[in-house]
């Protein structure tokens, strides 16, 4: 996905929150300023299966990634793309904590976009999490994600997609 963007301190910045049984901020906005290194680090990221701790991922997005000191630029668009292949199930399936953290993110001006990867994602649940119904996308598997990148780029950064 990041191959389509100019990456750098004055261009698009990327943070990465990995979530499985636990959620962790793998890097903040200031850590990855070189596009080639960023792509290599993303490709080397481990895949976590079976557990989807979207609750903590949203919490960390709001309290660490977009918090002061996380590297987000003042006045920059605050967009979060959630790539998920399941249903949030930590601490339990359908936990209300995920919806609470999604609401707090949106209240803080964070635009939540979801890309469901596989047909096993809980679509109604993702619609409760995202910022608007038009912020939901679906692909068959991770290899199909590039098929929607140009559209996501035009939606997230319309001024640089022209």
Protein backbone atom coordinates (compact mmCIF):
# COMPACT_ATOMS: atom_id res chain seq x y z
CA UNK A 1 0.00 0.00 0.00
CA UNK A 2 2.77 2.47 0.88
CA UNK A 3 4.45 2.02 -2.52
CA UNK A 4 1.88 4.46 -3.91
CA UNK A 5 2.83 7.31 -1.57
CA UNK A 6 5.76 9.68 -1.21
CA UNK A 7 7.12 8.87 2.25
CA UNK A 8 9.01 11.35 4.40
CA UNK A 9 8.85 13.93 7.17
CA UNK A 10 7.12 16.44 4.87
CA UNK A 11 5.13 13.85 2.92
CA UNK A 12 3.05 10.86 3.99
CA UNK A 13 4.06 9.38 7.33
CA UNK A 14 3.26 5.83 8.38
CA UNK A 15 2.84 4.30 11.80
CA UNK A 16 2.24 0.59 12.30
CA UNK A 17 0.14 -1.05 15.00
CA UNK A 18 0.22 -4.84 14.95
CA UNK A 19 -2.61 -6.69 16.65
CA UNK A 20 -3.22 -10.33 17.44
CA UNK A 21 -3.60 -11.59 21.01
CA UNK A 22 -1.93 -8.31 22.02
CA UNK A 23 -1.52 -5.02 20.20
CA UNK A 24 1.80 -3.22 19.87
CA UNK A 25 2.97 -0.03 18.22
CA UNK A 26 5.71 -1.40 15.97
CA UNK A 27 6.81 2.11 14.99
CA UNK A 28 5.53 5.67 15.23
CA UNK A 29 5.36 8.32 12.52
CA UNK A 30 8.96 9.42 12.93
CA UNK A 31 10.62 6.01 12.84
CA UNK A 32 10.26 5.12 9.16
CA UNK A 33 11.17 7.99 6.82
CA UNK A 34 12.88 5.95 4.08
CA UNK A 35 10.38 4.38 1.71
CA UNK A 36 12.55 1.39 0.81
CA UNK A 37 13.23 0.54 4.45
CA UNK A 38 9.56 1.03 5.30
CA UNK A 39 8.51 -1.42 2.59
CA UNK A 40 11.10 -3.97 3.72
CA UNK A 41 9.97 -3.66 7.34
CA UNK A 42 6.32 -4.10 6.39
CA UNK A 43 7.10 -7.16 4.27
CA UNK A 44 9.09 -8.64 7.15
CA UNK A 45 6.25 -8.14 9.61
CA UNK A 46 5.01 -11.34 11.16
CA UNK A 47 1.46 -12.51 10.53
CA UNK A 48 -0.59 -13.12 13.66
CA UNK A 49 -3.52 -15.47 13.33
CA UNK A 50 -6.54 -16.56 15.35
CA UNK A 51 -6.74 -13.51 17.62
CA UNK A 52 -7.88 -10.00 16.74
CA UNK A 53 -7.29 -7.49 19.52
CA UNK A 54 -8.72 -4.53 17.65
CA UNK A 55 -9.80 -3.04 20.97
CA UNK A 56 -6.21 -2.48 22.11
CA UNK A 57 -5.08 -1.53 18.60
CA UNK A 58 -7.59 1.33 18.54
CA UNK A 59 -6.63 2.33 22.07
CA UNK A 60 -2.93 2.49 21.10
CA UNK A 61 -3.78 4.37 17.91
CA UNK A 62 -5.47 7.07 19.93
CA UNK A 63 -3.21 7.19 23.00
CA UNK A 64 0.22 6.49 21.48
CA UNK A 65 0.25 6.93 17.71
CA UNK A 66 -1.69 10.19 17.56
CA UNK A 67 -0.70 11.42 21.04
CA UNK A 68 1.78 14.25 21.46
CA UNK A 69 5.24 12.83 20.90
CA UNK A 70 4.05 10.13 18.51
CA UNK A 71 5.28 12.10 15.53
CA UNK A 72 1.94 13.14 14.01
CA UNK A 73 2.19 16.57 12.42
CA UNK A 74 -0.13 19.32 13.59
CA UNK A 75 -2.87 19.90 11.04
CA UNK A 76 -2.14 16.69 9.11
CA UNK A 77 -4.92 14.30 8.16
CA UNK A 78 -5.36 11.65 10.84
CA UNK A 79 -6.31 8.54 8.87
CA UNK A 80 -6.06 4.96 10.09
CA UNK A 81 -6.42 1.98 7.75
CA UNK A 82 -7.36 -1.18 9.63
CA UNK A 83 -6.39 -4.36 7.76
CA UNK A 84 -8.17 -7.28 9.40
CA UNK A 85 -9.00 -10.86 8.55
CA UNK A 86 -11.26 -11.62 11.47
CA UNK A 87 -13.53 -10.39 14.18
CA UNK A 88 -12.35 -8.55 17.25
CA UNK A 89 -12.27 -11.23 19.93
CA UNK A 90 -10.12 -9.89 22.77
CA UNK A 91 -11.02 -9.81 25.63
CA UNK A 92 -14.07 -11.61 24.20
CA UNK A 93 -15.90 -11.77 20.84
CA UNK A 94 -17.93 -8.64 20.20
CA UNK A 95 -16.49 -6.77 23.17
CA UNK A 96 -18.07 -3.35 23.65
CA UNK A 97 -14.59 -2.00 24.46
CA UNK A 98 -13.73 -2.01 20.75
CA UNK A 99 -16.71 0.18 19.92
CA UNK A 100 -15.86 2.50 22.81
CA UNK A 101 -12.28 2.89 21.58
CA UNK A 102 -13.48 3.40 18.00
CA UNK A 103 -15.83 6.16 19.21
CA UNK A 104 -13.00 7.83 21.16
CA UNK A 105 -10.77 7.69 18.06
CA UNK A 106 -13.47 9.29 15.92
CA UNK A 107 -14.17 11.90 18.60
CA UNK A 108 -10.45 12.77 18.48
CA UNK A 109 -10.67 13.31 14.72
CA UNK A 110 -9.13 10.01 13.64
CA UNK A 111 -10.64 8.75 10.40
CA UNK A 112 -11.14 4.98 10.65
CA UNK A 113 -11.11 2.98 7.42
CA UNK A 114 -11.36 -0.81 7.32
CA UNK A 115 -10.13 -3.28 4.74
CA UNK A 116 -11.53 -6.75 5.38
CA UNK A 117 -9.13 -9.38 4.12
CA UNK A 118 -10.91 -12.73 3.52
CA UNK A 119 -14.58 -13.46 3.64
CA UNK A 120 -14.43 -14.25 7.38
CA UNK A 121 -14.41 -10.66 8.63
CA UNK A 122 -17.46 -9.55 10.58
CA UNK A 123 -18.77 -6.89 8.19
CA UNK A 124 -21.60 -5.56 10.39
CA UNK A 125 -19.12 -5.16 13.24
CA UNK A 126 -16.61 -3.33 11.04
CA UNK A 127 -19.39 -0.97 9.96
CA UNK A 128 -19.86 -0.10 13.63
CA UNK A 129 -16.15 0.71 13.94
CA UNK A 130 -15.41 2.72 10.79
CA UNK A 131 -16.10 6.42 10.40
CA UNK A 132 -18.77 6.07 7.69
CA UNK A 133 -20.28 3.30 5.54
CA UNK A 134 -18.12 4.37 2.58
CA UNK A 135 -15.00 3.63 4.65
CA UNK A 136 -15.35 -0.15 4.31
CA UNK A 137 -13.50 -2.20 1.69
CA UNK A 138 -13.14 -5.91 1.14
CA UNK A 139 -10.60 -8.07 -0.66
CA UNK A 140 -10.34 -11.83 -0.93
CA UNK A 141 -6.84 -12.16 0.55
CA UNK A 142 -3.71 -10.15 1.36
CA UNK A 143 -2.38 -10.56 -2.19
CA UNK A 144 -5.48 -8.69 -3.44
CA UNK A 145 -4.87 -5.59 -1.29
CA UNK A 146 -2.97 -3.83 -4.13
CA UNK A 147 -6.17 -3.91 -6.23
CA UNK A 148 -7.74 -1.26 -3.99
CA UNK A 149 -4.68 0.85 -3.19
CA UNK A 150 -5.18 3.40 -5.97
CA UNK A 151 -8.75 3.95 -4.83
CA UNK A 152 -7.72 4.27 -1.18
CA UNK A 153 -5.00 6.74 -2.18
CA UNK A 154 -7.49 8.86 -4.10
CA UNK A 155 -9.83 8.87 -1.13
CA UNK A 156 -7.25 9.50 1.61
CA UNK A 157 -5.05 11.93 -0.32
CA UNK A 158 -7.14 13.33 -3.18
CA UNK A 159 -4.83 16.31 -3.71
CA UNK A 160 -1.83 14.09 -4.48
CA UNK A 161 -3.79 11.58 -6.54
CA UNK A 162 -4.59 13.97 -9.36
